Amino acid sequence: MELFEEIIVWGRTAAGLLVKYRCFRNLSNNLFAVQSADFFEKTADSKSILASEIQAMELFLDESPEIRSSWHASLTEAIQKHMDDFE
């Protein structure tokens, strides 16, 4: 069985948005990856927050993070790679 620890990392963008990085640590090799990044405005409502949670679960169910994500030795490296690829 594959086991992963979920790690949530929050940041702020220059435009004033909150960004929630949903990260994983692979418990068998201690490598880190970012599955997704969700952006929220100050006016985010419970519906958009719940949609983010549902999407995260669907991504995890659809495909193992081992396949979906790029793995790195540190959490900061994983986040930087995700930012470089998607932002």
PDB file of N, CA and C in Angstrom:
ATOM      1  N   MET A   1       0.838  -1.179   0.000  1.00  0.00           N
ATOM      2  CA  MET A   1       0.000   0.000   0.000  1.00  0.00           C
ATOM      3  C   MET A   1       0.886   1.246   0.000  1.00  0.00           C
ATOM      4  N   GLU A   2       0.540   2.176  -0.852  1.00  0.00           N
ATOM      5  CA  GLU A   2       1.234   3.467  -0.860  1.00  0.00           C
ATOM      6  C   GLU A   2       0.662   4.333   0.255  1.00  0.00           C
ATOM      7  N   LEU A   3       1.544   4.971   1.006  1.00  0.00           N
ATOM      8  CA  LEU A   3       1.103   5.870   2.069  1.00  0.00           C
ATOM      9  C   LEU A   3       1.739   7.242   1.882  1.00  0.00           C
ATOM     10  N   PHE A   4       0.910   8.261   2.038  1.00  0.00           N
ATOM     11  CA  PHE A   4       1.346   9.638   1.875  1.00  0.00           C
ATOM     12  C   PHE A   4       0.843  10.475   3.039  1.00  0.00           C
ATOM     13  N   GLU A   5       1.661  11.410   3.467  1.00  0.00           N
ATOM     14  CA  GLU A   5       1.247  12.399   4.452  1.00  0.00           C
ATOM     15  C   GLU A   5       0.859  13.662   3.690  1.00  0.00           C
ATOM     16  N   GLU A   6      -0.318  14.198   3.975  1.00  0.00           N
ATOM     17  CA  GLU A   6      -0.741  15.455   3.360  1.00  0.00           C
ATOM     18  C   GLU A   6      -0.174  16.604   4.174  1.00  0.00           C
ATOM     19  N   ILE A   7       0.391  17.569   3.464  1.00  0.00           N
ATOM     20  CA  ILE A   7       0.940  18.769   4.096  1.00  0.00           C
ATOM     21  C   ILE A   7       0.333  19.972   3.376  1.00  0.00           C
ATOM     22  N   ILE A   8      -0.292  20.841   4.132  1.00  0.00           N
ATOM     23  CA  ILE A   8      -0.884  22.052   3.564  1.00  0.00           C
ATOM     24  C   ILE A   8       0.057  23.217   3.842  1.00  0.00           C
ATOM     25  N   VAL A   9       0.383  23.955   2.792  1.00  0.00           N
ATOM     26  CA  VAL A   9       1.255  25.131   2.914  1.00  0.00           C
ATOM     27  C   VAL A   9       0.502  26.324   2.337  1.00  0.00           C
ATOM     28  N   TRP A  10       0.430  27.396   3.104  1.00  0.00           N
ATOM     29  CA  TRP A  10      -0.260  28.605   2.681  1.00  0.00           C
ATOM     30  C   TRP A  10       0.742  29.679   2.273  1.00  0.00           C
ATOM     31  N   GLY A  11       0.357  30.482   1.287  1.00  0.00           N
ATOM     32  CA  GLY A  11       1.159  31.618   0.865  1.00  0.00           C
ATOM     33  C   GLY A  11       0.255  32.761   0.440  1.00  0.00           C
ATOM     34  N   ARG A  12       0.883  33.883   0.145  1.00  0.00           N
ATOM     35  CA  ARG A  12       0.165  35.070  -0.355  1.00  0.00           C
ATOM     36  C   ARG A  12       0.817  35.503  -1.652  1.00  0.00           C
ATOM     37  N   THR A  13      -0.007  35.817  -2.623  1.00  0.00           N
ATOM     38  CA  THR A  13       0.526  36.291  -3.896  1.00  0.00           C
ATOM     39  C   THR A  13       0.687  37.808  -3.852  1.00  0.00           C
ATOM     40  N   ALA A  14       1.429  38.336  -4.811  1.00  0.00           N
ATOM     41  CA  ALA A  14       1.609  39.785  -4.902  1.00  0.00           C
ATOM     42  C   ALA A  14       0.280  40.489  -5.161  1.00  0.00           C
ATOM     43  N   ALA A  15      -0.662  39.766  -5.774  1.00  0.00           N
ATOM     44  CA  ALA A  15      -1.972  40.343  -6.077  1.00  0.00           C
ATOM     45  C   ALA A  15      -2.933  40.285  -4.894  1.00  0.00           C
ATOM     46  N   GLY A  16      -2.464  39.760  -3.755  1.00  0.00           N
ATOM     47  CA  GLY A  16      -3.299  39.722  -2.566  1.00  0.00           C
ATOM     48  C   GLY A  16      -4.167  38.488  -2.417  1.00  0.00           C
ATOM     49  N   LEU A  17      -3.925  37.485  -3.238  1.00  0.00           N
ATOM     50  CA  LEU A  17      -4.668  36.234  -3.116  1.00  0.00           C
ATOM     51  C   LEU A  17      -3.967  35.306  -2.130  1.00  0.00           C
ATOM     52  N   LEU A  18      -4.743  34.435  -1.523  1.00  0.00           N
ATOM     53  CA  LEU A  18      -4.168  33.357  -0.724  1.00  0.00           C
ATOM     54  C   LEU A  18      -3.974  32.161  -1.648  1.00  0.00           C
ATOM     55  N   VAL A  19      -2.891  31.458  -1.464  1.00  0.00           N
ATOM     56  CA  VAL A  19      -2.666  30.230  -2.230  1.00  0.00           C
ATOM     57  C   VAL A  19      -2.462  29.092  -1.237  1.00  0.00           C
ATOM     58  N   LYS A  20      -3.190  28.016  -1.479  1.00  0.00           N
ATOM     59  CA  LYS A  20      -3.118  26.825  -0.636  1.00  0.00           C
ATOM     60  C   LYS A  20      -2.477  25.718  -1.456  1.00  0.00           C
ATOM     61  N   TYR A  21      -1.250  25.343  -1.091  1.00  0.00           N
ATOM     62  CA  TYR A  21      -0.555  24.251  -1.759  1.00  0.00           C
ATOM     63  C   TYR A  21      -0.879  22.956  -1.034  1.00  0.00           C
ATOM     64  N   ARG A  22      -1.429  22.009  -1.767  1.00  0.00           N
ATOM     65  CA  ARG A  22      -1.715  20.684  -1.209  1.00  0.00           C
ATOM     66  C   ARG A  22      -0.538  19.785  -1.586  1.00  0.00           C
ATOM     67  N   CYS A  23       0.251  19.455  -0.595  1.00  0.00           N
ATOM     68  CA  CYS A  23       1.488  18.719  -0.807  1.00  0.00           C
ATOM     69  C   CYS A  23       1.392  17.335  -0.185  1.00  0.00           C
ATOM     70  N   PHE A  24       2.261  16.457  -0.665  1.00  0.00           N
ATOM     71  CA  PHE A  24       2.354  15.117  -0.098  1.00  0.00           C
ATOM     72  C   PHE A  24       3.805  14.788   0.208  1.00  0.00           C
ATOM     73  N   ARG A  25       3.984  14.008   1.266  1.00  0.00           N
ATOM     74  CA  ARG A  25       5.270  13.386   1.553  1.00  0.00           C
ATOM     75  C   ARG A  25       5.059  11.893   1.423  1.00  0.00           C
ATOM     76  N   ASN A  26       5.851  11.256   0.559  1.00  0.00           N
ATOM     77  CA  ASN A  26       5.797   9.816   0.390  1.00  0.00           C
ATOM     78  C   ASN A  26       6.473   9.188   1.607  1.00  0.00           C
ATOM     79  N   LEU A  27       5.747   8.390   2.353  1.00  0.00           N
ATOM     80  CA  LEU A  27       6.290   7.844   3.595  1.00  0.00           C
ATOM     81  C   LEU A  27       7.349   6.773   3.355  1.00  0.00           C
ATOM     82  N   SER A  28       7.387   6.190   2.158  1.00  0.00           N
ATOM     83  CA  SER A  28       8.385   5.150   1.904  1.00  0.00           C
ATOM     84  C   SER A  28       9.746   5.710   1.499  1.00  0.00           C
ATOM     85  N   ASN A  29       9.774   6.889   0.877  1.00  0.00           N
ATOM     86  CA  ASN A  29      11.072   7.430   0.437  1.00  0.00           C
ATOM     87  C   ASN A  29      11.341   8.848   0.927  1.00  0.00           C
ATOM     88  N   ASN A  30      10.393   9.440   1.670  1.00  0.00           N
ATOM     89  CA  ASN A  30      10.545  10.770   2.257  1.00  0.00           C
ATOM     90  C   ASN A  30      10.745  11.872   1.219  1.00  0.00           C
ATOM     91  N   LEU A  31      10.168  11.696   0.025  1.00  0.00           N
ATOM     92  CA  LEU A  31      10.203  12.734  -1.002  1.00  0.00           C
ATOM     93  C   LEU A  31       8.900  13.528  -0.965  1.00  0.00           C
ATOM     94  N   PHE A  32       8.934  14.759  -1.515  1.00  0.00           N
ATOM     95  CA  PHE A  32       7.811  15.680  -1.451  1.00  0.00           C
ATOM     96  C   PHE A  32       7.317  16.052  -2.851  1.00  0.00           C
ATOM     97  N   ALA A  33       6.001  16.298  -2.933  1.00  0.00           N
ATOM     98  CA  ALA A  33       5.399  16.731  -4.190  1.00  0.00           C
ATOM     99  C   ALA A  33       4.217  17.642  -3.885  1.00  0.00           C
ATOM    100  N   VAL A  34       3.867  18.469  -4.869  1.00  0.00           N
ATOM    101  CA  VAL A  34       2.676  19.310  -4.780  1.00  0.00           C
ATOM    102  C   VAL A  34       1.638  18.716  -5.719  1.00  0.00           C
ATOM    103  N   GLN A  35       0.475  18.405  -5.180  1.00  0.00           N
ATOM    104  CA  GLN A  35      -0.608  17.889  -6.022  1.00  0.00           C
ATOM    105  C   GLN A  35      -1.358  19.020  -6.690  1.00  0.00           C
ATOM    106  N   SER A  36      -1.606  20.093  -5.943  1.00  0.00           N
ATOM    107  CA  SER A  36      -2.400  21.184  -6.495  1.00  0.00           C
ATOM    108  C   SER A  36      -2.157  22.467  -5.713  1.00  0.00           C
ATOM    109  N   ALA A  37      -2.555  23.564  -6.325  1.00  0.00           N
ATOM    110  CA  ALA A  37      -2.530  24.867  -5.669  1.00  0.00           C
ATOM    111  C   ALA A  37      -3.876  25.529  -5.933  1.00  0.00           C
ATOM    112  N   ASP A  38      -4.531  25.933  -4.882  1.00  0.00           N
ATOM    113  CA  ASP A  38      -5.821  26.605  -4.997  1.00  0.00           C
ATOM    114  C   ASP A  38      -5.660  28.050  -4.556  1.00  0.00           C
ATOM    115  N   PHE A  39      -6.275  28.950  -5.309  1.00  0.00           N
ATOM    116  CA  PHE A  39      -6.172  30.375  -5.033  1.00  0.00           C
ATOM    117  C   PHE A  39      -7.512  30.885  -4.513  1.00  0.00           C
ATOM    118  N   PHE A  40      -7.456  31.678  -3.453  1.00  0.00           N
ATOM    119  CA  PHE A  40      -8.665  32.192  -2.822  1.00  0.00           C
ATOM    120  C   PHE A  40      -8.562  33.697  -2.637  1.00  0.00           C
ATOM    121  N   GLU A  41      -9.683  34.364  -2.888  1.00  0.00           N
ATOM    122  CA  GLU A  41      -9.800  35.782  -2.578  1.00  0.00           C
ATOM    123  C   GLU A  41     -10.296  35.925  -1.147  1.00  0.00           C
ATOM    124  N   LYS A  42     -10.202  37.125  -0.639  1.00  0.00           N
ATOM    125  CA  LYS A  42     -10.660  37.401   0.720  1.00  0.00           C
ATOM    126  C   LYS A  42     -12.136  37.054   0.885  1.00  0.00           C
ATOM    127  N   THR A  43     -12.876  37.134  -0.200  1.00  0.00           N
ATOM    128  CA  THR A  43     -14.316  36.897  -0.152  1.00  0.00           C
ATOM    129  C   THR A  43     -14.682  35.433  -0.430  1.00  0.00           C
ATOM    130  N   ALA A  44     -13.722  34.520  -0.360  1.00  0.00           N
ATOM    131  CA  ALA A  44     -14.006  33.102  -0.627  1.00  0.00           C
ATOM    132  C   ALA A  44     -15.130  32.615   0.286  1.00  0.00           C
ATOM    133  N   ASP A  45     -16.042  31.869  -0.303  1.00  0.00           N
ATOM    134  CA  ASP A  45     -17.159  31.349   0.478  1.00  0.00           C
ATOM    135  C   ASP A  45     -16.990  29.845   0.720  1.00  0.00           C
ATOM    136  N   SER A  46     -17.841  29.302   1.544  1.00  0.00           N
ATOM    137  CA  SER A  46     -17.739  27.886   1.907  1.00  0.00           C
ATOM    138  C   SER A  46     -17.927  26.975   0.695  1.00  0.00           C
ATOM    139  N   LYS A  47     -18.692  27.413  -0.286  1.00  0.00           N
ATOM    140  CA  LYS A  47     -18.913  26.603  -1.493  1.00  0.00           C
ATOM    141  C   LYS A  47     -17.608  26.420  -2.273  1.00  0.00           C
ATOM    142  N   SER A  48     -16.835  27.487  -2.440  1.00  0.00           N
ATOM    143  CA  SER A  48     -15.579  27.380  -3.192  1.00  0.00           C
ATOM    144  C   SER A  48     -14.529  26.595  -2.403  1.00  0.00           C
ATOM    145  N   ILE A  49     -14.550  26.722  -1.091  1.00  0.00           N
ATOM    146  CA  ILE A  49     -13.612  25.968  -0.254  1.00  0.00           C
ATOM    147  C   ILE A  49     -13.943  24.481  -0.296  1.00  0.00           C
ATOM    148  N   LEU A  50     -15.213  24.139  -0.226  1.00  0.00           N
ATOM    149  CA  LEU A  50     -15.633  22.743  -0.312  1.00  0.00           C
ATOM    150  C   LEU A  50     -15.310  22.159  -1.684  1.00  0.00           C
ATOM    151  N   ALA A  51     -15.514  22.931  -2.740  1.00  0.00           N
ATOM    152  CA  ALA A  51     -15.192  22.468  -4.094  1.00  0.00           C
ATOM    153  C   ALA A  51     -13.706  22.139  -4.207  1.00  0.00           C
ATOM    154  N   SER A  52     -12.862  22.924  -3.570  1.00  0.00           N
ATOM    155  CA  SER A  52     -11.429  22.675  -3.561  1.00  0.00           C
ATOM    156  C   SER A  52     -11.111  21.341  -2.891  1.00  0.00           C
ATOM    157  N   GLU A  53     -11.760  21.068  -1.774  1.00  0.00           N
ATOM    158  CA  GLU A  53     -11.549  19.807  -1.058  1.00  0.00           C
ATOM    159  C   GLU A  53     -12.010  18.611  -1.884  1.00  0.00           C
ATOM    160  N   ILE A  54     -13.153  18.740  -2.519  1.00  0.00           N
ATOM    161  CA  ILE A  54     -13.677  17.651  -3.346  1.00  0.00           C
ATOM    162  C   ILE A  54     -12.752  17.381  -4.520  1.00  0.00           C
ATOM    163  N   GLN A  55     -12.279  18.430  -5.171  1.00  0.00           N
ATOM    164  CA  GLN A  55     -11.370  18.257  -6.294  1.00  0.00           C
ATOM    165  C   GLN A  55     -10.077  17.557  -5.863  1.00  0.00           C
ATOM    166  N   ALA A  56      -9.567  17.903  -4.705  1.00  0.00           N
ATOM    167  CA  ALA A  56      -8.340  17.273  -4.201  1.00  0.00           C
ATOM    168  C   ALA A  56      -8.554  15.778  -3.997  1.00  0.00           C
ATOM    169  N   MET A  57      -9.677  15.403  -3.438  1.00  0.00           N
ATOM    170  CA  MET A  57      -9.971  13.984  -3.240  1.00  0.00           C
ATOM    171  C   MET A  57     -10.113  13.265  -4.571  1.00  0.00           C
ATOM    172  N   GLU A  58     -10.763  13.908  -5.543  1.00  0.00           N
ATOM    173  CA  GLU A  58     -10.936  13.296  -6.862  1.00  0.00           C
ATOM    174  C   GLU A  58      -9.587  13.083  -7.551  1.00  0.00           C
ATOM    175  N   LEU A  59      -8.694  14.066  -7.448  1.00  0.00           N
ATOM    176  CA  LEU A  59      -7.361  13.922  -8.032  1.00  0.00           C
ATOM    177  C   LEU A  59      -6.619  12.742  -7.416  1.00  0.00           C
ATOM    178  N   PHE A  60      -6.719  12.625  -6.107  1.00  0.00           N
ATOM    179  CA  PHE A  60      -6.036  11.546  -5.397  1.00  0.00           C
ATOM    180  C   PHE A  60      -6.618  10.186  -5.784  1.00  0.00           C
ATOM    181  N   LEU A  61      -7.927  10.115  -5.941  1.00  0.00           N
ATOM    182  CA  LEU A  61      -8.576   8.864  -6.334  1.00  0.00           C
ATOM    183  C   LEU A  61      -8.296   8.488  -7.783  1.00  0.00           C
ATOM    184  N   ASP A  62      -8.221   9.476  -8.667  1.00  0.00           N
ATOM    185  CA  ASP A  62      -8.028   9.228 -10.098  1.00  0.00           C
ATOM    186  C   ASP A  62      -6.662   8.661 -10.429  1.00  0.00           C
ATOM    187  N   GLU A  63      -5.653   9.178  -9.762  1.00  0.00           N
ATOM    188  CA  GLU A  63      -4.287   8.783 -10.105  1.00  0.00           C
ATOM    189  C   GLU A  63      -3.383   8.969  -8.888  1.00  0.00           C
ATOM    190  N   SER A  64      -2.527   8.006  -8.653  1.00  0.00           N
ATOM    191  CA  SER A  64      -1.611   8.079  -7.527  1.00  0.00           C
ATOM    192  C   SER A  64      -0.727   9.320  -7.639  1.00  0.00           C
ATOM    193  N   PRO A  65      -0.456   9.970  -6.526  1.00  0.00           N
ATOM    194  CA  PRO A  65       0.480  11.088  -6.552  1.00  0.00           C
ATOM    195  C   PRO A  65       1.849  10.686  -7.101  1.00  0.00           C
ATOM    196  N   GLU A  66       2.202   9.417  -6.967  1.00  0.00           N
ATOM    197  CA  GLU A  66       3.476   8.922  -7.514  1.00  0.00           C
ATOM    198  C   GLU A  66       3.570   9.186  -9.008  1.00  0.00           C
ATOM    199  N   ILE A  67       2.441   9.083  -9.701  1.00  0.00           N
ATOM    200  CA  ILE A  67       2.403   9.261 -11.161  1.00  0.00           C
ATOM    201  C   ILE A  67       2.141  10.714 -11.526  1.00  0.00           C
ATOM    202  N   ARG A  68       1.240  11.339 -10.811  1.00  0.00           N
ATOM    203  CA  ARG A  68       0.773  12.688 -11.153  1.00  0.00           C
ATOM    204  C   ARG A  68       1.813  13.770 -10.895  1.00  0.00           C
ATOM    205  N   SER A  69       2.655  13.563  -9.903  1.00  0.00           N
ATOM    206  CA  SER A  69       3.469  14.658  -9.398  1.00  0.00           C
ATOM    207  C   SER A  69       4.958  14.474  -9.632  1.00  0.00           C
ATOM    208  N   SER A  70       5.668  15.582  -9.542  1.00  0.00           N
ATOM    209  CA  SER A  70       7.126  15.608  -9.597  1.00  0.00           C
ATOM    210  C   SER A  70       7.634  15.587  -8.160  1.00  0.00           C
ATOM    211  N   TRP A  71       8.576  14.695  -7.852  1.00  0.00           N
ATOM    212  CA  TRP A  71       9.022  14.478  -6.475  1.00  0.00           C
ATOM    213  C   TRP A  71      10.380  15.114  -6.212  1.00  0.00           C
ATOM    214  N   HIS A  72      10.529  15.653  -4.989  1.00  0.00           N
ATOM    215  CA  HIS A  72      11.726  16.419  -4.646  1.00  0.00           C
ATOM    216  C   HIS A  72      12.183  16.113  -3.225  1.00  0.00           C
ATOM    217  N   ALA A  73      13.443  16.412  -2.954  1.00  0.00           N
ATOM    218  CA  ALA A  73      14.033  16.125  -1.648  1.00  0.00           C
ATOM    219  C   ALA A  73      13.498  17.029  -0.541  1.00  0.00           C
ATOM    220  N   SER A  74      12.982  18.206  -0.900  1.00  0.00           N
ATOM    221  CA  SER A  74      12.452  19.108   0.125  1.00  0.00           C
ATOM    222  C   SER A  74      11.099  19.665  -0.312  1.00  0.00           C
ATOM    223  N   LEU A  75      10.355  20.100   0.675  1.00  0.00           N
ATOM    224  CA  LEU A  75       9.051  20.698   0.417  1.00  0.00           C
ATOM    225  C   LEU A  75       9.188  22.007  -0.357  1.00  0.00           C
ATOM    226  N   THR A  76      10.176  22.811  -0.019  1.00  0.00           N
ATOM    227  CA  THR A  76      10.356  24.080  -0.730  1.00  0.00           C
ATOM    228  C   THR A  76      10.735  23.849  -2.196  1.00  0.00           C
ATOM    229  N   GLU A  77      11.543  22.830  -2.474  1.00  0.00           N
ATOM    230  CA  GLU A  77      11.866  22.504  -3.867  1.00  0.00           C
ATOM    231  C   GLU A  77      10.619  22.086  -4.631  1.00  0.00           C
ATOM    232  N   ALA A  78       9.775  21.290  -4.012  1.00  0.00           N
ATOM    233  CA  ALA A  78       8.548  20.827  -4.664  1.00  0.00           C
ATOM    234  C   ALA A  78       7.621  22.004  -4.981  1.00  0.00           C
ATOM    235  N   ILE A  79       7.485  22.917  -4.033  1.00  0.00           N
ATOM    236  CA  ILE A  79       6.623  24.082  -4.257  1.00  0.00           C
ATOM    237  C   ILE A  79       7.198  24.976  -5.347  1.00  0.00           C
ATOM    238  N   GLN A  80       8.499  25.205  -5.325  1.00  0.00           N
ATOM    239  CA  GLN A  80       9.116  26.044  -6.360  1.00  0.00           C
ATOM    240  C   GLN A  80       8.932  25.435  -7.743  1.00  0.00           C
ATOM    241  N   LYS A  81       9.098  24.127  -7.873  1.00  0.00           N
ATOM    242  CA  LYS A  81       8.899  23.456  -9.162  1.00  0.00           C
ATOM    243  C   LYS A  81       7.450  23.617  -9.618  1.00  0.00           C
ATOM    244  N   HIS A  82       6.515  23.451  -8.708  1.00  0.00           N
ATOM    245  CA  HIS A  82       5.101  23.628  -9.050  1.00  0.00           C
ATOM    246  C   HIS A  82       4.839  25.058  -9.511  1.00  0.00           C
ATOM    247  N   MET A  83       5.385  26.022  -8.819  1.00  0.00           N
ATOM    248  CA  MET A  83       5.219  27.430  -9.202  1.00  0.00           C
ATOM    249  C   MET A  83       5.816  27.682 -10.583  1.00  0.00           C
ATOM    250  N   ASP A  84       6.998  27.136 -10.839  1.00  0.00           N
ATOM    251  CA  ASP A  84       7.648  27.309 -12.143  1.00  0.00           C
ATOM    252  C   ASP A  84       6.815  26.709 -13.270  1.00  0.00           C
ATOM    253  N   ASP A  85       6.187  25.578 -12.991  1.00  0.00           N
ATOM    254  CA  ASP A  85       5.408  24.872 -14.023  1.00  0.00           C
ATOM    255  C   ASP A  85       4.050  25.493 -14.278  1.00  0.00           C
ATOM    256  N   PHE A  86       3.410  26.066 -13.249  1.00  0.00           N
ATOM    257  CA  PHE A  86       2.003  26.450 -13.381  1.00  0.00           C
ATOM    258  C   PHE A  86       1.698  27.927 -13.163  1.00  0.00           C
ATOM    259  N   GLU A  87       2.623  28.698 -12.675  1.00  0.00           N
ATOM    260  CA  GLU A  87       2.247  30.084 -12.362  1.00  0.00           C
ATOM    261  C   GLU A  87       2.900  31.046 -13.297  1.00  0.00           C
TER     262      GLU A  87
END
